[in-house]
Amino acid sequence: MRSILRPAALIETWFDNLRPEQRDLARILRALVQDASSELVQTVKWGNLMFTHEGTHAVAIVMHKDHANLQIFNGASLSDQFPELEGTGRGMRHIRFRYRYPVDEDLVREVVQACVDLMALSPRTGPGALTEEH
């Protein structure tokens, strides 16, 4: 029988599995994302800390060996407003943060709020949208 973890326990387990320098940065980024928008719901998906807005992926914190990415799922629509966003894909963009370097807290809050504002203007429906089952 499969055990079901409560979302908060799953998130804390995710943090517990990070190296100390990763954990410090991830906690900072999570606090900034939560500070930017109370509308986002957090969960762990694909090994990353994910934030959704009304059932659609919005933001993810993705840990790498030497850095962490703050992934913005509709970031391509925000790249003119935020030149710090990197990436060339169809929709997703990211901001790279090196471990033990200062975080531009205002930038994180502004990008996340712009992401949520954009999602509120054009909610995603259809096959790409998440449902409670996902």
C-alpha atoms as a PDB file:
ATOM      1  CA  MET A   1       0.000   0.000   0.000  1.00  0.00           C
ATOM      2  CA  ARG A   2       1.293   3.413  -0.918  1.00  0.00           C
ATOM      3  CA  SER A   3       1.706   5.909   1.918  1.00  0.00           C
ATOM      4  CA  ILE A   4       0.362   9.369   1.401  1.00  0.00           C
ATOM      5  CA  LEU A   5       2.494  12.264   2.621  1.00  0.00           C
ATOM      6  CA  ARG A   6       0.838  15.483   3.572  1.00  0.00           C
ATOM      7  CA  PRO A   7       1.928  18.332   1.272  1.00  0.00           C
ATOM      8  CA  ALA A   8       3.760  20.177   4.065  1.00  0.00           C
ATOM      9  CA  ALA A   9       5.650  17.010   5.018  1.00  0.00           C
ATOM     10  CA  LEU A  10       6.547  16.350   1.389  1.00  0.00           C
ATOM     11  CA  ILE A  11       7.891  19.881   1.015  1.00  0.00           C
ATOM     12  CA  GLU A  12       9.955  19.606   4.207  1.00  0.00           C
ATOM     13  CA  THR A  13      11.326  16.268   3.005  1.00  0.00           C
ATOM     14  CA  TRP A  14      12.339  17.977  -0.236  1.00  0.00           C
ATOM     15  CA  PHE A  15      14.279  20.594   1.755  1.00  0.00           C
ATOM     16  CA  ASP A  16      15.829  17.913   3.986  1.00  0.00           C
ATOM     17  CA  ASN A  17      17.298  16.185   0.923  1.00  0.00           C
ATOM     18  CA  LEU A  18      19.175  19.290  -0.244  1.00  0.00           C
ATOM     19  CA  ARG A  19      22.792  20.110   0.543  1.00  0.00           C
ATOM     20  CA  PRO A  20      23.133  22.939   3.118  1.00  0.00           C
ATOM     21  CA  GLU A  21      24.015  25.631   0.558  1.00  0.00           C
ATOM     22  CA  GLN A  22      21.147  24.488  -1.670  1.00  0.00           C
ATOM     23  CA  ARG A  23      18.729  24.448   1.255  1.00  0.00           C
ATOM     24  CA  ASP A  24      19.619  28.001   2.299  1.00  0.00           C
ATOM     25  CA  LEU A  25      19.020  29.393  -1.183  1.00  0.00           C
ATOM     26  CA  ALA A  26      15.865  27.330  -1.727  1.00  0.00           C
ATOM     27  CA  ARG A  27      14.352  28.617   1.528  1.00  0.00           C
ATOM     28  CA  ILE A  28      15.145  32.208   0.558  1.00  0.00           C
ATOM     29  CA  LEU A  29      13.591  31.771  -2.890  1.00  0.00           C
ATOM     30  CA  ARG A  30      10.500  30.041  -1.468  1.00  0.00           C
ATOM     31  CA  ALA A  31       9.970  32.843   1.056  1.00  0.00           C
ATOM     32  CA  LEU A  32      10.261  35.461  -1.686  1.00  0.00           C
ATOM     33  CA  VAL A  33       7.829  33.614  -3.967  1.00  0.00           C
ATOM     34  CA  GLN A  34       5.321  33.276  -1.131  1.00  0.00           C
ATOM     35  CA  ASP A  35       5.808  36.926  -0.201  1.00  0.00           C
ATOM     36  CA  ALA A  36       5.153  38.001  -3.793  1.00  0.00           C
ATOM     37  CA  SER A  37       1.822  36.194  -4.088  1.00  0.00           C
ATOM     38  CA  SER A  38      -0.424  34.447  -1.613  1.00  0.00           C
ATOM     39  CA  GLU A  39      -2.363  33.001  -4.573  1.00  0.00           C
ATOM     40  CA  LEU A  40       0.303  30.391  -5.338  1.00  0.00           C
ATOM     41  CA  VAL A  41       0.024  26.828  -4.042  1.00  0.00           C
ATOM     42  CA  GLN A  42       3.255  24.909  -3.463  1.00  0.00           C
ATOM     43  CA  THR A  43       3.957  21.240  -3.994  1.00  0.00           C
ATOM     44  CA  VAL A  44       6.811  18.966  -5.007  1.00  0.00           C
ATOM     45  CA  LYS A  45       6.661  17.719  -8.572  1.00  0.00           C
ATOM     46  CA  TRP A  46       9.358  16.220 -10.809  1.00  0.00           C
ATOM     47  CA  GLY A  47      11.824  16.614  -7.939  1.00  0.00           C
ATOM     48  CA  ASN A  48      11.330  20.387  -7.855  1.00  0.00           C
ATOM     49  CA  LEU A  49       9.443  22.781  -5.615  1.00  0.00           C
ATOM     50  CA  MET A  50       6.506  23.886  -7.758  1.00  0.00           C
ATOM     51  CA  PHE A  51       4.037  26.715  -7.362  1.00  0.00           C
ATOM     52  CA  THR A  52       0.726  26.671  -9.191  1.00  0.00           C
ATOM     53  CA  HIS A  53      -1.852  29.369  -9.796  1.00  0.00           C
ATOM     54  CA  GLU A  54      -5.437  28.170 -10.129  1.00  0.00           C
ATOM     55  CA  GLY A  55      -4.226  24.728 -11.210  1.00  0.00           C
ATOM     56  CA  THR A  56      -1.621  25.878 -13.733  1.00  0.00           C
ATOM     57  CA  HIS A  57       2.157  25.738 -13.308  1.00  0.00           C
ATOM     58  CA  ALA A  58       3.503  29.188 -12.532  1.00  0.00           C
ATOM     59  CA  VAL A  59       6.933  29.026 -10.878  1.00  0.00           C
ATOM     60  CA  ALA A  60       9.423  26.322  -9.896  1.00  0.00           C
ATOM     61  CA  ILE A  61      12.592  26.251  -7.847  1.00  0.00           C
ATOM     62  CA  VAL A  62      14.990  23.877  -9.582  1.00  0.00           C
ATOM     63  CA  MET A  63      18.226  22.912  -7.863  1.00  0.00           C
ATOM     64  CA  HIS A  64      21.427  22.178  -9.783  1.00  0.00           C
ATOM     65  CA  LYS A  65      24.971  21.317  -8.717  1.00  0.00           C
ATOM     66  CA  ASP A  66      26.321  24.886  -8.731  1.00  0.00           C
ATOM     67  CA  HIS A  67      23.186  27.002  -8.937  1.00  0.00           C
ATOM     68  CA  ALA A  68      19.422  27.120  -8.616  1.00  0.00           C
ATOM     69  CA  ASN A  69      16.969  28.286 -11.242  1.00  0.00           C
ATOM     70  CA  LEU A  70      13.778  30.144 -10.536  1.00  0.00           C
ATOM     71  CA  GLN A  71      11.729  28.914 -13.487  1.00  0.00           C
ATOM     72  CA  ILE A  72       8.873  31.048 -14.736  1.00  0.00           C
ATOM     73  CA  PHE A  73       6.484  28.979 -16.827  1.00  0.00           C
ATOM     74  CA  ASN A  74       5.125  31.934 -18.833  1.00  0.00           C
ATOM     75  CA  GLY A  75       8.454  33.742 -18.717  1.00  0.00           C
ATOM     76  CA  ALA A  76       8.722  34.243 -22.482  1.00  0.00           C
ATOM     77  CA  SER A  77       5.856  36.715 -22.197  1.00  0.00           C
ATOM     78  CA  LEU A  78       7.788  38.614 -19.524  1.00  0.00           C
ATOM     79  CA  SER A  79      11.281  38.681 -21.054  1.00  0.00           C
ATOM     80  CA  ASP A  80      10.897  42.202 -22.469  1.00  0.00           C
ATOM     81  CA  GLN A  81       9.929  43.490 -19.034  1.00  0.00           C
ATOM     82  CA  PHE A  82      12.636  41.459 -17.250  1.00  0.00           C
ATOM     83  CA  PRO A  83      15.851  41.105 -19.294  1.00  0.00           C
ATOM     84  CA  GLU A  84      17.304  39.000 -16.450  1.00  0.00           C
ATOM     85  CA  LEU A  85      15.148  36.081 -17.613  1.00  0.00           C
ATOM     86  CA  GLU A  86      17.221  33.529 -19.530  1.00  0.00           C
ATOM     87  CA  GLY A  87      16.221  30.787 -21.927  1.00  0.00           C
ATOM     88  CA  THR A  88      15.050  30.272 -25.477  1.00  0.00           C
ATOM     89  CA  GLY A  89      12.166  27.825 -25.199  1.00  0.00           C
ATOM     90  CA  ARG A  90       8.606  28.395 -26.303  1.00  0.00           C
ATOM     91  CA  GLY A  91       7.325  29.627 -22.959  1.00  0.00           C
ATOM     92  CA  MET A  92       9.584  28.975 -20.003  1.00  0.00           C
ATOM     93  CA  ARG A  93      12.342  31.281 -18.813  1.00  0.00           C
ATOM     94  CA  HIS A  94      14.516  31.222 -15.709  1.00  0.00           C
ATOM     95  CA  ILE A  95      16.741  33.313 -13.488  1.00  0.00           C
ATOM     96  CA  ARG A  96      19.931  31.614 -12.317  1.00  0.00           C
ATOM     97  CA  PHE A  97      21.120  32.063  -8.726  1.00  0.00           C
ATOM     98  CA  ARG A  98      24.553  30.869  -7.614  1.00  0.00           C
ATOM     99  CA  TYR A  99      24.893  29.374  -4.145  1.00  0.00           C
ATOM    100  CA  ARG A 100      26.372  31.691  -1.502  1.00  0.00           C
ATOM    101  CA  TYR A 101      25.776  34.797  -3.644  1.00  0.00           C
ATOM    102  CA  PRO A 102      23.280  37.530  -2.761  1.00  0.00           C
ATOM    103  CA  VAL A 103      19.746  37.210  -4.130  1.00  0.00           C
ATOM    104  CA  ASP A 104      18.073  40.196  -5.778  1.00  0.00           C
ATOM    105  CA  GLU A 105      14.968  39.963  -3.609  1.00  0.00           C
ATOM    106  CA  ASP A 106      13.092  42.765  -5.360  1.00  0.00           C
ATOM    107  CA  LEU A 107      13.648  41.111  -8.740  1.00  0.00           C
ATOM    108  CA  VAL A 108      12.275  37.777  -7.517  1.00  0.00           C
ATOM    109  CA  ARG A 109       9.173  39.407  -6.026  1.00  0.00           C
ATOM    110  CA  GLU A 110       8.558  41.524  -9.135  1.00  0.00           C
ATOM    111  CA  VAL A 111       8.966  38.627 -11.582  1.00  0.00           C
ATOM    112  CA  VAL A 112       6.699  36.340  -9.562  1.00  0.00           C
ATOM    113  CA  GLN A 113       4.038  39.035  -9.184  1.00  0.00           C
ATOM    114  CA  ALA A 114       4.197  39.805 -12.917  1.00  0.00           C
ATOM    115  CA  CYS A 115       3.835  36.080 -13.647  1.00  0.00           C
ATOM    116  CA  VAL A 116       0.741  35.819 -11.427  1.00  0.00           C
ATOM    117  CA  ASP A 117      -0.741  39.021 -12.862  1.00  0.00           C
ATOM    118  CA  LEU A 118      -0.277  37.702 -16.396  1.00  0.00           C
ATOM    119  CA  MET A 119      -1.864  34.376 -15.480  1.00  0.00           C
ATOM    120  CA  ALA A 120      -4.852  36.152 -13.946  1.00  0.00           C
ATOM    121  CA  LEU A 121      -5.371  38.058 -17.209  1.00  0.00           C
ATOM    122  CA  SER A 122      -5.167  34.999 -19.434  1.00  0.00           C
ATOM    123  CA  PRO A 123      -5.999  31.822 -17.517  1.00  0.00           C
ATOM    124  CA  ARG A 124      -4.895  28.638 -19.216  1.00  0.00           C
ATOM    125  CA  THR A 125      -7.471  26.012 -20.034  1.00  0.00           C
ATOM    126  CA  GLY A 126      -7.491  22.852 -22.077  1.00  0.00           C
ATOM    127  CA  PRO A 127      -5.024  19.972 -22.216  1.00  0.00           C
ATOM    128  CA  GLY A 128      -2.087  21.948 -20.792  1.00  0.00           C
ATOM    129  CA  ALA A 129      -3.878  22.995 -17.634  1.00  0.00           C
ATOM    130  CA  LEU A 130      -3.530  20.986 -14.472  1.00  0.00           C
ATOM    131  CA  THR A 131      -6.426  19.390 -12.715  1.00  0.00           C
ATOM    132  CA  GLU A 132      -6.711  18.142  -9.161  1.00  0.00           C
ATOM    133  CA  GLU A 133      -5.702  14.656 -10.367  1.00  0.00           C
ATOM    134  CA  HIS A 134      -2.268  15.799 -11.604  1.00  0.00           C
END
